[in-house]
Amino acid sequence: MSSDNRIVSASAVGQNANIVNDMRLAEMLIHKQAKLDPHALMDASVKIKSILKG
């Protein structure tokens, strides 16, 4: 994450379909250069898709 709370890269390991979806959403957030709340990203109960919509 950059100093202005934008995601600049993402990585994942595993075989779960959720990981694939999360990576696609992370790519969209990177492309959109969205400013994000770091606490929301660390909260497992927050869905990444909801961050993209917000």
PDB file of N, CA and C in Angstrom:
ATOM      1  N   MET A   1       0.845  -1.163   0.000  1.00  0.00           N
ATOM      2  CA  MET A   1       0.000   0.000   0.000  1.00  0.00           C
ATOM      3  C   MET A   1       0.896   1.232   0.000  1.00  0.00           C
ATOM      4  N   SER A   2       0.505   2.197  -0.794  1.00  0.00           N
ATOM      5  CA  SER A   2       1.293   3.423  -0.882  1.00  0.00           C
ATOM      6  C   SER A   2       1.021   4.321   0.323  1.00  0.00           C
ATOM      7  N   SER A   3       1.788   5.376   0.428  1.00  0.00           N
ATOM      8  CA  SER A   3       1.633   6.294   1.559  1.00  0.00           C
ATOM      9  C   SER A   3       0.290   7.019   1.543  1.00  0.00           C
ATOM     10  N   ASP A   4      -0.383   7.052   0.374  1.00  0.00           N
ATOM     11  CA  ASP A   4      -1.701   7.697   0.308  1.00  0.00           C
ATOM     12  C   ASP A   4      -2.850   6.679   0.266  1.00  0.00           C
ATOM     13  N   ASN A   5      -2.580   5.464   0.814  1.00  0.00           N
ATOM     14  CA  ASN A   5      -3.579   4.398   0.986  1.00  0.00           C
ATOM     15  C   ASN A   5      -4.149   3.848  -0.316  1.00  0.00           C
ATOM     16  N   ARG A   6      -3.298   3.701  -1.308  1.00  0.00           N
ATOM     17  CA  ARG A   6      -3.697   3.058  -2.566  1.00  0.00           C
ATOM     18  C   ARG A   6      -2.942   1.739  -2.685  1.00  0.00           C
ATOM     19  N   ILE A   7      -3.640   0.714  -3.174  1.00  0.00           N
ATOM     20  CA  ILE A   7      -2.992  -0.585  -3.386  1.00  0.00           C
ATOM     21  C   ILE A   7      -2.114  -0.470  -4.626  1.00  0.00           C
ATOM     22  N   VAL A   8      -0.877  -0.920  -4.525  1.00  0.00           N
ATOM     23  CA  VAL A   8       0.033  -0.867  -5.663  1.00  0.00           C
ATOM     24  C   VAL A   8       0.404  -2.263  -6.153  1.00  0.00           C
ATOM     25  N   SER A   9       0.131  -3.302  -5.359  1.00  0.00           N
ATOM     26  CA  SER A   9       0.382  -4.667  -5.791  1.00  0.00           C
ATOM     27  C   SER A   9      -0.440  -5.629  -4.936  1.00  0.00           C
ATOM     28  N   ALA A  10      -0.567  -6.859  -5.431  1.00  0.00           N
ATOM     29  CA  ALA A  10      -1.304  -7.886  -4.692  1.00  0.00           C
ATOM     30  C   ALA A  10      -0.733  -9.249  -5.048  1.00  0.00           C
ATOM     31  N   SER A  11      -0.847 -10.185  -4.122  1.00  0.00           N
ATOM     32  CA  SER A  11      -0.421 -11.552  -4.396  1.00  0.00           C
ATOM     33  C   SER A  11      -1.309 -12.499  -3.606  1.00  0.00           C
ATOM     34  N   ALA A  12      -1.366 -13.739  -4.055  1.00  0.00           N
ATOM     35  CA  ALA A  12      -2.183 -14.748  -3.379  1.00  0.00           C
ATOM     36  C   ALA A  12      -1.589 -16.119  -3.616  1.00  0.00           C
ATOM     37  N   VAL A  13      -1.840 -17.021  -2.674  1.00  0.00           N
ATOM     38  CA  VAL A  13      -1.394 -18.399  -2.790  1.00  0.00           C
ATOM     39  C   VAL A  13      -2.565 -19.283  -2.391  1.00  0.00           C
ATOM     40  N   GLY A  14      -2.822 -20.304  -3.154  1.00  0.00           N
ATOM     41  CA  GLY A  14      -3.877 -21.242  -2.791  1.00  0.00           C
ATOM     42  C   GLY A  14      -4.667 -21.689  -3.997  1.00  0.00           C
ATOM     43  N   GLN A  15      -5.631 -22.556  -3.728  1.00  0.00           N
ATOM     44  CA  GLN A  15      -6.445 -23.117  -4.803  1.00  0.00           C
ATOM     45  C   GLN A  15      -7.916 -22.754  -4.662  1.00  0.00           C
ATOM     46  N   ASN A  16      -8.248 -21.951  -3.710  1.00  0.00           N
ATOM     47  CA  ASN A  16      -9.623 -21.594  -3.431  1.00  0.00           C
ATOM     48  C   ASN A  16     -10.137 -20.609  -4.475  1.00  0.00           C
ATOM     49  N   ALA A  17     -11.368 -20.806  -4.935  1.00  0.00           N
ATOM     50  CA  ALA A  17     -11.962 -19.897  -5.924  1.00  0.00           C
ATOM     51  C   ALA A  17     -12.085 -18.483  -5.366  1.00  0.00           C
ATOM     52  N   ASN A  18     -12.236 -18.347  -4.056  1.00  0.00           N
ATOM     53  CA  ASN A  18     -12.329 -17.018  -3.452  1.00  0.00           C
ATOM     54  C   ASN A  18     -11.039 -16.234  -3.658  1.00  0.00           C
ATOM     55  N   ILE A  19      -9.913 -16.915  -3.652  1.00  0.00           N
ATOM     56  CA  ILE A  19      -8.623 -16.250  -3.866  1.00  0.00           C
ATOM     57  C   ILE A  19      -8.569 -15.662  -5.267  1.00  0.00           C
ATOM     58  N   VAL A  20      -9.048 -16.412  -6.238  1.00  0.00           N
ATOM     59  CA  VAL A  20      -9.066 -15.928  -7.623  1.00  0.00           C
ATOM     60  C   VAL A  20      -9.942 -14.680  -7.722  1.00  0.00           C
ATOM     61  N   ASN A  21     -11.112 -14.731  -7.110  1.00  0.00           N
ATOM     62  CA  ASN A  21     -12.011 -13.574  -7.138  1.00  0.00           C
ATOM     63  C   ASN A  21     -11.386 -12.381  -6.433  1.00  0.00           C
ATOM     64  N   ASP A  22     -10.769 -12.613  -5.278  1.00  0.00           N
ATOM     65  CA  ASP A  22     -10.128 -11.526  -4.541  1.00  0.00           C
ATOM     66  C   ASP A  22      -9.013 -10.888  -5.358  1.00  0.00           C
ATOM     67  N   MET A  23      -8.252 -11.702  -6.084  1.00  0.00           N
ATOM     68  CA  MET A  23      -7.175 -11.151  -6.917  1.00  0.00           C
ATOM     69  C   MET A  23      -7.738 -10.300  -8.053  1.00  0.00           C
ATOM     70  N   ARG A  24      -8.823 -10.750  -8.656  1.00  0.00           N
ATOM     71  CA  ARG A  24      -9.452  -9.943  -9.716  1.00  0.00           C
ATOM     72  C   ARG A  24      -9.920  -8.603  -9.161  1.00  0.00           C
ATOM     73  N   LEU A  25     -10.527  -8.641  -7.984  1.00  0.00           N
ATOM     74  CA  LEU A  25     -10.987  -7.405  -7.364  1.00  0.00           C
ATOM     75  C   LEU A  25      -9.811  -6.507  -6.987  1.00  0.00           C
ATOM     76  N   ALA A  26      -8.728  -7.109  -6.505  1.00  0.00           N
ATOM     77  CA  ALA A  26      -7.532  -6.323  -6.170  1.00  0.00           C
ATOM     78  C   ALA A  26      -6.977  -5.650  -7.422  1.00  0.00           C
ATOM     79  N   GLU A  27      -6.968  -6.370  -8.540  1.00  0.00           N
ATOM     80  CA  GLU A  27      -6.506  -5.769  -9.796  1.00  0.00           C
ATOM     81  C   GLU A  27      -7.375  -4.582 -10.190  1.00  0.00           C
ATOM     82  N   MET A  28      -8.687  -4.709  -9.973  1.00  0.00           N
ATOM     83  CA  MET A  28      -9.586  -3.600 -10.287  1.00  0.00           C
ATOM     84  C   MET A  28      -9.306  -2.394  -9.388  1.00  0.00           C
ATOM     85  N   LEU A  29      -9.052  -2.656  -8.101  1.00  0.00           N
ATOM     86  CA  LEU A  29      -8.748  -1.564  -7.176  1.00  0.00           C
ATOM     87  C   LEU A  29      -7.443  -0.873  -7.552  1.00  0.00           C
ATOM     88  N   ILE A  30      -6.455  -1.655  -7.973  1.00  0.00           N
ATOM     89  CA  ILE A  30      -5.177  -1.088  -8.403  1.00  0.00           C
ATOM     90  C   ILE A  30      -5.394  -0.220  -9.645  1.00  0.00           C
ATOM     91  N   HIS A  31      -6.120  -0.752 -10.605  1.00  0.00           N
ATOM     92  CA  HIS A  31      -6.382  -0.011 -11.842  1.00  0.00           C
ATOM     93  C   HIS A  31      -7.160   1.278 -11.566  1.00  0.00           C
ATOM     94  N   LYS A  32      -8.122   1.189 -10.666  1.00  0.00           N
ATOM     95  CA  LYS A  32      -8.964   2.338 -10.308  1.00  0.00           C
ATOM     96  C   LYS A  32      -8.219   3.360  -9.450  1.00  0.00           C
ATOM     97  N   GLN A  33      -7.058   2.957  -8.907  1.00  0.00           N
ATOM     98  CA  GLN A  33      -6.261   3.780  -8.001  1.00  0.00           C
ATOM     99  C   GLN A  33      -7.111   4.279  -6.830  1.00  0.00           C
ATOM    100  N   ALA A  34      -7.925   3.355  -6.309  1.00  0.00           N
ATOM    101  CA  ALA A  34      -8.838   3.687  -5.217  1.00  0.00           C
ATOM    102  C   ALA A  34      -8.069   3.908  -3.915  1.00  0.00           C
ATOM    103  N   LYS A  35      -8.502   4.919  -3.154  1.00  0.00           N
ATOM    104  CA  LYS A  35      -7.955   5.132  -1.815  1.00  0.00           C
ATOM    105  C   LYS A  35      -8.736   4.237  -0.858  1.00  0.00           C
ATOM    106  N   LEU A  36      -8.020   3.509  -0.015  1.00  0.00           N
ATOM    107  CA  LEU A  36      -8.647   2.502   0.833  1.00  0.00           C
ATOM    108  C   LEU A  36      -8.350   2.719   2.298  1.00  0.00           C
ATOM    109  N   ASP A  37      -9.254   2.244   3.126  1.00  0.00           N
ATOM    110  CA  ASP A  37      -9.060   2.246   4.567  1.00  0.00           C
ATOM    111  C   ASP A  37      -8.247   1.006   4.936  1.00  0.00           C
ATOM    112  N   PRO A  38      -7.024   1.156   5.427  1.00  0.00           N
ATOM    113  CA  PRO A  38      -6.193  -0.014   5.756  1.00  0.00           C
ATOM    114  C   PRO A  38      -6.855  -0.945   6.776  1.00  0.00           C
ATOM    115  N   HIS A  39      -7.644  -0.382   7.683  1.00  0.00           N
ATOM    116  CA  HIS A  39      -8.315  -1.214   8.687  1.00  0.00           C
ATOM    117  C   HIS A  39      -9.379  -2.096   8.040  1.00  0.00           C
ATOM    118  N   ALA A  40     -10.056  -1.593   7.023  1.00  0.00           N
ATOM    119  CA  ALA A  40     -11.049  -2.392   6.314  1.00  0.00           C
ATOM    120  C   ALA A  40     -10.379  -3.554   5.577  1.00  0.00           C
ATOM    121  N   LEU A  41      -9.188  -3.321   5.025  1.00  0.00           N
ATOM    122  CA  LEU A  41      -8.473  -4.389   4.325  1.00  0.00           C
ATOM    123  C   LEU A  41      -8.007  -5.483   5.273  1.00  0.00           C
ATOM    124  N   MET A  42      -7.717  -5.133   6.518  1.00  0.00           N
ATOM    125  CA  MET A  42      -7.257  -6.124   7.501  1.00  0.00           C
ATOM    126  C   MET A  42      -8.413  -6.881   8.150  1.00  0.00           C
ATOM    127  N   ASP A  43      -9.629  -6.375   8.007  1.00  0.00           N
ATOM    128  CA  ASP A  43     -10.802  -6.982   8.633  1.00  0.00           C
ATOM    129  C   ASP A  43     -11.349  -8.085   7.731  1.00  0.00           C
ATOM    130  N   ALA A  44     -11.246  -9.331   8.171  1.00  0.00           N
ATOM    131  CA  ALA A  44     -11.691 -10.476   7.370  1.00  0.00           C
ATOM    132  C   ALA A  44     -13.197 -10.462   7.112  1.00  0.00           C
ATOM    133  N   SER A  45     -13.951  -9.732   7.919  1.00  0.00           N
ATOM    134  CA  SER A  45     -15.404  -9.692   7.725  1.00  0.00           C
ATOM    135  C   SER A  45     -15.812  -8.703   6.626  1.00  0.00           C
ATOM    136  N   VAL A  46     -14.884  -7.838   6.208  1.00  0.00           N
ATOM    137  CA  VAL A  46     -15.178  -6.869   5.150  1.00  0.00           C
ATOM    138  C   VAL A  46     -14.894  -7.520   3.805  1.00  0.00           C
ATOM    139  N   LYS A  47     -15.897  -7.531   2.952  1.00  0.00           N
ATOM    140  CA  LYS A  47     -15.747  -8.114   1.617  1.00  0.00           C
ATOM    141  C   LYS A  47     -15.052  -7.110   0.697  1.00  0.00           C
ATOM    142  N   ILE A  48     -14.070  -7.582  -0.049  1.00  0.00           N
ATOM    143  CA  ILE A  48     -13.320  -6.705  -0.950  1.00  0.00           C
ATOM    144  C   ILE A  48     -14.245  -6.065  -1.981  1.00  0.00           C
ATOM    145  N   LYS A  49     -15.237  -6.819  -2.423  1.00  0.00           N
ATOM    146  CA  LYS A  49     -16.170  -6.288  -3.419  1.00  0.00           C
ATOM    147  C   LYS A  49     -16.907  -5.056  -2.890  1.00  0.00           C
ATOM    148  N   SER A  50     -17.214  -5.044  -1.592  1.00  0.00           N
ATOM    149  CA  SER A  50     -17.898  -3.882  -1.015  1.00  0.00           C
ATOM    150  C   SER A  50     -16.990  -2.663  -1.020  1.00  0.00           C
ATOM    151  N   ILE A  51     -15.678  -2.872  -0.886  1.00  0.00           N
ATOM    152  CA  ILE A  51     -14.723  -1.768  -0.935  1.00  0.00           C
ATOM    153  C   ILE A  51     -14.674  -1.200  -2.359  1.00  0.00           C
ATOM    154  N   LEU A  52     -14.728  -2.074  -3.344  1.00  0.00           N
ATOM    155  CA  LEU A  52     -14.684  -1.645  -4.746  1.00  0.00           C
ATOM    156  C   LEU A  52     -15.906  -0.801  -5.082  1.00  0.00           C
ATOM    157  N   LYS A  53     -17.064  -1.190  -4.569  1.00  0.00           N
ATOM    158  CA  LYS A  53     -18.301  -0.438  -4.843  1.00  0.00           C
ATOM    159  C   LYS A  53     -18.314   0.903  -4.140  1.00  0.00           C
ATOM    160  N   GLY A  54     -17.655   0.945  -2.959  1.00  0.00           N
ATOM    161  CA  GLY A  54     -17.681   2.165  -2.136  1.00  0.00           C
ATOM    162  C   GLY A  54     -16.807   3.188  -2.657  1.00  0.00           C
TER     163      GLY A  54
END
